[in-house]
Amino acid sequence: MKQVAAQPLVYDFSAHHPPRVRIEPGERLLVESEDALSGQLREPTDRRDKSTVPLSNPVAGPIVVEGAKPGDALAVTIHEIRPRDGQAATYVGHPGRLAEWLGDDVPPNARICPIRDDFVHWDETTAIPYQPMLGCIGTASDW
């Protein structure tokens, strides 16, 4: 099975980037990715550096599917999504939907939460169901 490492980070869907890997139709692939904040938050004392924008929402591509041509439809099956680092990182500037679980008194800061037993553990008493999401997937024009 071929693998795509999380680095180097890419921030747009473009045929101008060199392919990270080439695969045959039906071939399985293991893709590592970075979190939406490009790994800026690893420790509770870390802060998001907005001066490095657009360093957010990186993608792990491009991936070339051999034989695919412009106008073709591609079907992708995601077999599994699991946390690479065993933790979730968030920056709470405003609680928003987190208030559903945590109440309105959520201090703004970086938060590193361990993921175990299918829950994101916010603190010793609060666990949020872990529901991983892919983020973005897309296609670029032909090579």
N, C-alpha and C. Protein backbone atom coordinates (compact mmCIF):
# COMPACT_ATOMS: atom_id res chain seq x y z
N MET A 1 0.84 -1.17 0.00
CA MET A 1 0.00 0.00 0.00
C MET A 1 0.89 1.25 0.00
N LYS A 2 0.58 2.17 -0.88
CA LYS A 2 1.32 3.43 -0.94
C LYS A 2 0.84 4.34 0.18
N GLN A 3 1.72 5.29 0.53
CA GLN A 3 1.42 6.21 1.62
C GLN A 3 1.81 7.63 1.23
N VAL A 4 1.01 8.60 1.68
CA VAL A 4 1.32 10.01 1.50
C VAL A 4 1.54 10.60 2.88
N ALA A 5 2.73 11.14 3.12
CA ALA A 5 3.04 11.75 4.41
C ALA A 5 2.37 13.12 4.52
N ALA A 6 2.18 13.59 5.73
CA ALA A 6 1.52 14.87 5.96
C ALA A 6 2.33 16.06 5.42
N GLN A 7 3.63 15.93 5.41
CA GLN A 7 4.50 17.01 4.93
C GLN A 7 4.98 16.71 3.52
N PRO A 8 5.21 17.67 2.67
CA PRO A 8 5.03 19.11 2.88
C PRO A 8 3.55 19.50 2.79
N LEU A 9 3.20 20.55 3.51
CA LEU A 9 1.83 21.03 3.52
C LEU A 9 1.51 21.83 2.26
N VAL A 10 0.30 21.63 1.75
CA VAL A 10 -0.20 22.33 0.57
C VAL A 10 -1.55 22.93 0.96
N TYR A 11 -1.87 24.11 0.42
CA TYR A 11 -3.07 24.81 0.88
C TYR A 11 -4.09 25.10 -0.21
N ASP A 12 -3.94 24.49 -1.37
CA ASP A 12 -4.94 24.69 -2.42
C ASP A 12 -4.97 23.48 -3.33
N PHE A 13 -6.08 23.35 -4.06
CA PHE A 13 -6.22 22.30 -5.06
C PHE A 13 -5.69 22.87 -6.36
N SER A 14 -4.57 22.37 -6.83
CA SER A 14 -3.96 22.92 -8.04
C SER A 14 -3.17 21.87 -8.79
N ALA A 15 -3.32 21.88 -10.09
CA ALA A 15 -2.52 21.00 -10.95
C ALA A 15 -1.09 21.50 -11.07
N HIS A 16 -0.79 22.65 -10.51
CA HIS A 16 0.56 23.21 -10.57
C HIS A 16 1.48 22.61 -9.51
N HIS A 17 0.92 21.91 -8.53
CA HIS A 17 1.74 21.22 -7.53
C HIS A 17 2.19 19.88 -8.10
N PRO A 18 3.42 19.47 -7.82
CA PRO A 18 3.84 18.14 -8.29
C PRO A 18 3.05 17.06 -7.56
N PRO A 19 2.73 15.96 -8.25
CA PRO A 19 1.99 14.87 -7.60
C PRO A 19 2.75 14.31 -6.41
N ARG A 20 2.02 14.04 -5.33
CA ARG A 20 2.62 13.41 -4.15
C ARG A 20 2.74 11.91 -4.36
N VAL A 21 1.79 11.36 -5.13
CA VAL A 21 1.81 9.93 -5.42
C VAL A 21 0.93 9.68 -6.64
N ARG A 22 1.21 8.59 -7.33
CA ARG A 22 0.38 8.13 -8.45
C ARG A 22 -0.16 6.75 -8.08
N ILE A 23 -1.46 6.57 -8.30
CA ILE A 23 -2.07 5.28 -7.97
C ILE A 23 -2.89 4.78 -9.15
N GLU A 24 -3.15 3.48 -9.15
CA GLU A 24 -4.01 2.87 -10.14
C GLU A 24 -5.45 2.90 -9.64
N PRO A 25 -6.43 2.92 -10.53
CA PRO A 25 -7.83 2.85 -10.08
C PRO A 25 -8.04 1.63 -9.19
N GLY A 26 -8.72 1.82 -8.07
CA GLY A 26 -9.00 0.73 -7.13
C GLY A 26 -7.91 0.50 -6.12
N GLU A 27 -6.76 1.13 -6.28
CA GLU A 27 -5.66 0.93 -5.35
C GLU A 27 -5.94 1.65 -4.02
N ARG A 28 -5.62 0.99 -2.91
CA ARG A 28 -5.78 1.62 -1.60
C ARG A 28 -4.56 2.47 -1.28
N LEU A 29 -4.81 3.48 -0.48
CA LEU A 29 -3.78 4.47 -0.18
C LEU A 29 -3.94 4.91 1.27
N LEU A 30 -2.86 5.05 2.00
CA LEU A 30 -2.88 5.59 3.35
C LEU A 30 -2.41 7.04 3.26
N VAL A 31 -3.26 7.97 3.69
CA VAL A 31 -2.95 9.39 3.61
C VAL A 31 -2.88 9.97 5.01
N GLU A 32 -1.73 10.53 5.37
CA GLU A 32 -1.59 11.26 6.62
C GLU A 32 -1.97 12.71 6.34
N SER A 33 -2.50 13.36 7.34
CA SER A 33 -2.82 14.77 7.15
C SER A 33 -2.52 15.54 8.42
N GLU A 34 -2.47 16.82 8.29
CA GLU A 34 -2.26 17.71 9.43
C GLU A 34 -3.60 18.29 9.82
N ASP A 35 -3.72 18.77 11.03
CA ASP A 35 -4.98 19.35 11.47
C ASP A 35 -5.23 20.69 10.77
N ALA A 36 -6.42 21.23 10.96
CA ALA A 36 -6.83 22.44 10.25
C ALA A 36 -5.97 23.65 10.60
N LEU A 37 -5.27 23.61 11.72
CA LEU A 37 -4.41 24.73 12.11
C LEU A 37 -2.94 24.47 11.78
N SER A 38 -2.69 23.51 10.89
CA SER A 38 -1.34 23.19 10.42
C SER A 38 -0.38 22.81 11.54
N GLY A 39 -0.92 22.22 12.60
CA GLY A 39 -0.06 21.75 13.68
C GLY A 39 0.44 22.85 14.60
N GLN A 40 -0.16 24.03 14.54
CA GLN A 40 0.30 25.13 15.40
C GLN A 40 0.02 24.87 16.88
N LEU A 41 -0.97 24.03 17.18
CA LEU A 41 -1.32 23.75 18.57
C LEU A 41 -0.97 22.31 18.91
N ARG A 42 0.11 22.13 19.65
CA ARG A 42 0.52 20.80 20.10
C ARG A 42 0.51 20.71 21.63
N GLU A 43 0.71 21.85 22.28
CA GLU A 43 0.78 21.92 23.73
C GLU A 43 -0.24 22.96 24.22
N PRO A 44 -0.73 22.84 25.46
CA PRO A 44 -1.73 23.79 25.97
C PRO A 44 -1.25 25.25 25.95
N THR A 45 0.05 25.47 26.01
CA THR A 45 0.56 26.85 26.01
C THR A 45 0.72 27.43 24.61
N ASP A 46 0.54 26.62 23.56
CA ASP A 46 0.67 27.11 22.19
C ASP A 46 -0.47 28.07 21.86
N ARG A 47 -0.19 29.00 20.98
CA ARG A 47 -1.19 29.95 20.51
C ARG A 47 -1.19 29.93 18.99
N ARG A 48 -2.35 30.15 18.41
CA ARG A 48 -2.45 30.20 16.96
C ARG A 48 -1.81 31.49 16.47
N ASP A 49 -0.97 31.36 15.47
CA ASP A 49 -0.30 32.51 14.87
C ASP A 49 -1.02 32.87 13.59
N LYS A 50 -1.93 33.84 13.67
CA LYS A 50 -2.71 34.22 12.51
C LYS A 50 -1.88 34.94 11.46
N SER A 51 -0.67 35.38 11.81
CA SER A 51 0.18 36.05 10.83
C SER A 51 0.69 35.08 9.77
N THR A 52 0.59 33.78 10.03
CA THR A 52 1.05 32.79 9.06
C THR A 52 -0.05 32.34 8.11
N VAL A 53 -1.25 32.93 8.22
CA VAL A 53 -2.34 32.60 7.30
C VAL A 53 -1.82 32.84 5.89
N PRO A 54 -1.99 31.96 4.94
CA PRO A 54 -3.02 30.96 4.83
C PRO A 54 -2.65 29.59 5.39
N LEU A 55 -1.79 29.53 6.38
CA LEU A 55 -1.39 28.23 6.90
C LEU A 55 -2.48 27.60 7.77
N SER A 56 -3.62 27.35 7.12
CA SER A 56 -4.70 26.62 7.76
C SER A 56 -5.39 25.79 6.69
N ASN A 57 -6.02 24.72 7.12
CA ASN A 57 -6.72 23.78 6.24
C ASN A 57 -5.82 23.20 5.14
N PRO A 58 -4.69 22.59 5.53
CA PRO A 58 -3.83 21.97 4.52
C PRO A 58 -4.48 20.75 3.89
N VAL A 59 -4.05 20.44 2.68
CA VAL A 59 -4.52 19.24 1.98
C VAL A 59 -3.31 18.35 1.69
N ALA A 60 -3.55 17.07 1.49
CA ALA A 60 -2.47 16.09 1.32
C ALA A 60 -2.42 15.61 -0.12
N GLY A 61 -2.14 16.47 -1.01
CA GLY A 61 -2.13 16.08 -2.41
C GLY A 61 -1.16 16.92 -3.19
N PRO A 62 -1.25 16.83 -4.48
CA PRO A 62 -2.19 16.07 -5.29
C PRO A 62 -1.84 14.59 -5.40
N ILE A 63 -2.89 13.81 -5.62
CA ILE A 63 -2.78 12.37 -5.84
C ILE A 63 -3.29 12.10 -7.25
N VAL A 64 -2.47 11.51 -8.08
CA VAL A 64 -2.85 11.23 -9.46
C VAL A 64 -3.44 9.82 -9.55
N VAL A 65 -4.63 9.72 -10.12
CA VAL A 65 -5.23 8.43 -10.42
C VAL A 65 -4.93 8.15 -11.88
N GLU A 66 -4.08 7.16 -12.14
CA GLU A 66 -3.67 6.85 -13.51
C GLU A 66 -4.88 6.58 -14.39
N GLY A 67 -4.87 7.15 -15.57
CA GLY A 67 -5.93 6.92 -16.55
C GLY A 67 -7.11 7.88 -16.41
N ALA A 68 -7.20 8.60 -15.30
CA ALA A 68 -8.31 9.55 -15.13
C ALA A 68 -8.09 10.74 -16.06
N LYS A 69 -9.17 11.19 -16.66
CA LYS A 69 -9.10 12.31 -17.60
C LYS A 69 -10.08 13.40 -17.18
N PRO A 70 -9.84 14.64 -17.60
CA PRO A 70 -10.80 15.71 -17.29
C PRO A 70 -12.20 15.30 -17.73
N GLY A 71 -13.16 15.54 -16.86
CA GLY A 71 -14.54 15.18 -17.14
C GLY A 71 -14.93 13.83 -16.56
N ASP A 72 -13.98 12.99 -16.20
CA ASP A 72 -14.28 11.70 -15.57
C ASP A 72 -14.82 11.94 -14.16
N ALA A 73 -15.65 11.03 -13.70
CA ALA A 73 -16.10 11.04 -12.30
C ALA A 73 -15.21 10.08 -11.52
N LEU A 74 -14.77 10.51 -10.35
CA LEU A 74 -13.96 9.67 -9.49
C LEU A 74 -14.76 9.32 -8.24
N ALA A 75 -14.74 8.07 -7.86
CA ALA A 75 -15.38 7.63 -6.62
C ALA A 75 -14.28 7.29 -5.63
N VAL A 76 -14.38 7.83 -4.43
CA VAL A 76 -13.39 7.62 -3.39
C VAL A 76 -14.10 7.00 -2.19
N THR A 77 -13.53 5.94 -1.65
CA THR A 77 -14.06 5.32 -0.44
C THR A 77 -13.10 5.59 0.69
N ILE A 78 -13.61 6.22 1.75
CA ILE A 78 -12.81 6.47 2.95
C ILE A 78 -13.08 5.28 3.89
N HIS A 79 -12.09 4.46 4.11
CA HIS A 79 -12.27 3.27 4.94
C HIS A 79 -12.15 3.55 6.43
N GLU A 80 -11.33 4.51 6.78
CA GLU A 80 -11.10 4.78 8.20
C GLU A 80 -10.50 6.17 8.35
N ILE A 81 -10.89 6.85 9.43
CA ILE A 81 -10.25 8.11 9.82
C ILE A 81 -9.86 7.94 11.28
N ARG A 82 -8.59 8.09 11.58
CA ARG A 82 -8.17 7.98 12.97
C ARG A 82 -7.16 9.08 13.27
N PRO A 83 -7.13 9.53 14.51
CA PRO A 83 -6.22 10.62 14.86
C PRO A 83 -4.77 10.14 14.84
N ARG A 84 -3.95 10.85 14.13
CA ARG A 84 -2.54 10.50 14.04
C ARG A 84 -1.83 10.70 15.37
N ASP A 85 -2.20 11.76 16.09
CA ASP A 85 -1.49 12.13 17.31
C ASP A 85 -2.23 11.74 18.59
N GLY A 86 -3.42 11.12 18.46
CA GLY A 86 -4.16 10.72 19.65
C GLY A 86 -4.71 11.87 20.46
N GLN A 87 -4.82 13.03 19.81
CA GLN A 87 -5.34 14.19 20.51
C GLN A 87 -6.08 15.10 19.55
N ALA A 88 -6.89 15.95 20.12
CA ALA A 88 -7.57 16.99 19.36
C ALA A 88 -7.01 18.32 19.82
N ALA A 89 -6.87 19.23 18.89
CA ALA A 89 -6.40 20.57 19.22
C ALA A 89 -7.46 21.56 18.77
N THR A 90 -7.75 22.49 19.63
CA THR A 90 -8.72 23.52 19.26
C THR A 90 -8.27 24.85 19.86
N TYR A 91 -8.70 25.90 19.23
CA TYR A 91 -8.47 27.23 19.77
C TYR A 91 -9.83 27.84 19.98
N VAL A 92 -10.19 28.07 21.22
CA VAL A 92 -11.51 28.57 21.55
C VAL A 92 -11.43 30.08 21.69
N GLY A 93 -11.79 30.79 20.60
CA GLY A 93 -11.87 32.24 20.67
C GLY A 93 -13.24 32.66 21.14
N HIS A 94 -14.23 31.84 20.81
CA HIS A 94 -15.63 32.05 21.21
C HIS A 94 -16.23 30.66 21.28
N PRO A 95 -16.99 30.33 22.32
CA PRO A 95 -17.42 28.95 22.51
C PRO A 95 -18.33 28.39 21.42
N GLY A 96 -19.16 29.21 20.79
CA GLY A 96 -20.02 28.73 19.72
C GLY A 96 -20.71 27.43 20.07
N ARG A 97 -20.59 26.42 19.18
CA ARG A 97 -21.28 25.14 19.40
C ARG A 97 -20.72 24.36 20.57
N LEU A 98 -19.49 24.69 21.02
CA LEU A 98 -18.97 23.99 22.19
C LEU A 98 -19.83 24.22 23.41
N ALA A 99 -20.57 25.34 23.44
CA ALA A 99 -21.43 25.64 24.58
C ALA A 99 -22.49 24.55 24.79
N GLU A 100 -22.82 23.82 23.72
CA GLU A 100 -23.78 22.72 23.83
C GLU A 100 -23.33 21.71 24.88
N TRP A 101 -22.03 21.44 24.95
CA TRP A 101 -21.49 20.47 25.91
C TRP A 101 -20.87 21.14 27.13
N LEU A 102 -20.30 22.33 26.92
CA LEU A 102 -19.46 22.90 27.96
C LEU A 102 -20.06 24.08 28.70
N GLY A 103 -21.22 24.55 28.26
CA GLY A 103 -21.81 25.74 28.88
C GLY A 103 -21.21 26.99 28.26
N ASP A 104 -21.67 28.13 28.71
CA ASP A 104 -21.22 29.40 28.11
C ASP A 104 -19.93 29.93 28.70
N ASP A 105 -19.46 29.35 29.78
CA ASP A 105 -18.27 29.85 30.46
C ASP A 105 -17.02 29.10 30.00
N VAL A 106 -16.68 29.25 28.73
CA VAL A 106 -15.52 28.57 28.16
C VAL A 106 -14.43 29.62 27.93
N PRO A 107 -13.30 29.52 28.64
CA PRO A 107 -12.26 30.53 28.47
C PRO A 107 -11.60 30.41 27.09
N PRO A 108 -11.31 31.56 26.45
CA PRO A 108 -10.64 31.51 25.15
C PRO A 108 -9.16 31.17 25.31
N ASN A 109 -8.75 30.06 24.71
CA ASN A 109 -7.35 29.66 24.71
C ASN A 109 -7.18 28.41 23.88
N ALA A 110 -5.94 27.98 23.76
CA ALA A 110 -5.67 26.72 23.08
C ALA A 110 -6.03 25.58 24.01
N ARG A 111 -6.55 24.53 23.42
CA ARG A 111 -6.94 23.38 24.23
C ARG A 111 -6.47 22.12 23.53
N ILE A 112 -5.70 21.32 24.22
CA ILE A 112 -5.26 20.02 23.72
C ILE A 112 -6.04 18.97 24.51
N CYS A 113 -6.79 18.14 23.79
CA CYS A 113 -7.65 17.15 24.44
C CYS A 113 -7.29 15.75 23.96
N PRO A 114 -7.01 14.84 24.88
CA PRO A 114 -6.73 13.47 24.46
C PRO A 114 -7.97 12.80 23.87
N ILE A 115 -7.75 11.93 22.90
CA ILE A 115 -8.83 11.13 22.31
C ILE A 115 -8.60 9.69 22.74
N ARG A 116 -9.59 9.13 23.43
CA ARG A 116 -9.51 7.72 23.81
C ARG A 116 -10.92 7.20 24.03
N ASP A 117 -11.09 5.93 23.77
CA ASP A 117 -12.39 5.26 23.96
C ASP A 117 -13.52 5.96 23.20
N ASP A 118 -13.22 6.46 21.98
CA ASP A 118 -14.21 7.13 21.13
C ASP A 118 -14.76 8.43 21.71
N PHE A 119 -13.98 9.08 22.59
CA PHE A 119 -14.37 10.37 23.14
C PHE A 119 -13.19 11.33 23.12
N VAL A 120 -13.50 12.61 22.92
CA VAL A 120 -12.54 13.69 23.10
C VAL A 120 -12.72 14.15 24.55
N HIS A 121 -11.66 14.04 25.34
CA HIS A 121 -11.76 14.35 26.76
C HIS A 121 -11.35 15.81 26.99
N TRP A 122 -12.37 16.67 27.15
CA TRP A 122 -12.16 18.10 27.35
C TRP A 122 -11.48 18.37 28.69
N ASP A 123 -11.93 17.68 29.72
CA ASP A 123 -11.32 17.75 31.04
C ASP A 123 -11.65 16.45 31.77
N GLU A 124 -11.42 16.42 33.05
CA GLU A 124 -11.62 15.18 33.82
C GLU A 124 -13.08 14.74 33.88
N THR A 125 -14.02 15.68 33.68
CA THR A 125 -15.43 15.34 33.83
C THR A 125 -16.24 15.46 32.54
N THR A 126 -15.66 16.03 31.49
CA THR A 126 -16.41 16.28 30.26
C THR A 126 -15.78 15.54 29.08
N ALA A 127 -16.57 14.67 28.46
CA ALA A 127 -16.11 13.93 27.28
C ALA A 127 -17.11 14.17 26.15
N ILE A 128 -16.58 14.50 24.97
CA ILE A 128 -17.40 14.79 23.80
C ILE A 128 -17.26 13.62 22.84
N PRO A 129 -18.35 13.09 22.30
CA PRO A 129 -18.23 11.96 21.37
C PRO A 129 -17.30 12.30 20.21
N TYR A 130 -16.37 11.40 19.93
CA TYR A 130 -15.41 11.58 18.85
C TYR A 130 -16.05 11.18 17.53
N GLN A 131 -16.20 12.14 16.65
CA GLN A 131 -16.77 11.90 15.33
C GLN A 131 -15.85 12.52 14.29
N PRO A 132 -14.84 11.77 13.85
CA PRO A 132 -13.87 12.34 12.93
C PRO A 132 -14.51 12.73 11.60
N MET A 133 -13.92 13.74 10.98
CA MET A 133 -14.38 14.17 9.66
C MET A 133 -13.18 14.33 8.76
N LEU A 134 -13.42 14.15 7.49
CA LEU A 134 -12.35 14.22 6.51
C LEU A 134 -11.83 15.63 6.33
N GLY A 135 -12.68 16.60 6.33
CA GLY A 135 -12.27 17.96 6.03
C GLY A 135 -12.59 18.25 4.57
N CYS A 136 -11.56 18.33 3.74
CA CYS A 136 -11.76 18.67 2.32
C CYS A 136 -11.24 17.56 1.42
N ILE A 137 -11.93 17.37 0.32
CA ILE A 137 -11.44 16.49 -0.74
C ILE A 137 -11.91 17.12 -2.05
N GLY A 138 -11.06 17.10 -3.03
CA GLY A 138 -11.43 17.74 -4.29
C GLY A 138 -10.54 17.28 -5.42
N THR A 139 -10.76 17.85 -6.58
CA THR A 139 -9.96 17.50 -7.75
C THR A 139 -9.39 18.77 -8.36
N ALA A 140 -8.29 18.61 -9.06
CA ALA A 140 -7.67 19.70 -9.80
C ALA A 140 -7.74 19.34 -11.28
N SER A 141 -7.47 20.31 -12.12
CA SER A 141 -7.51 20.03 -13.55
C SER A 141 -6.39 19.06 -13.94
N ASP A 142 -6.41 18.59 -15.19
CA ASP A 142 -5.48 17.54 -15.62
C ASP A 142 -4.03 17.99 -15.53
N TRP A 143 -3.16 17.00 -15.56
CA TRP A 143 -1.73 17.22 -15.45
C TRP A 143 -1.16 17.49 -16.79
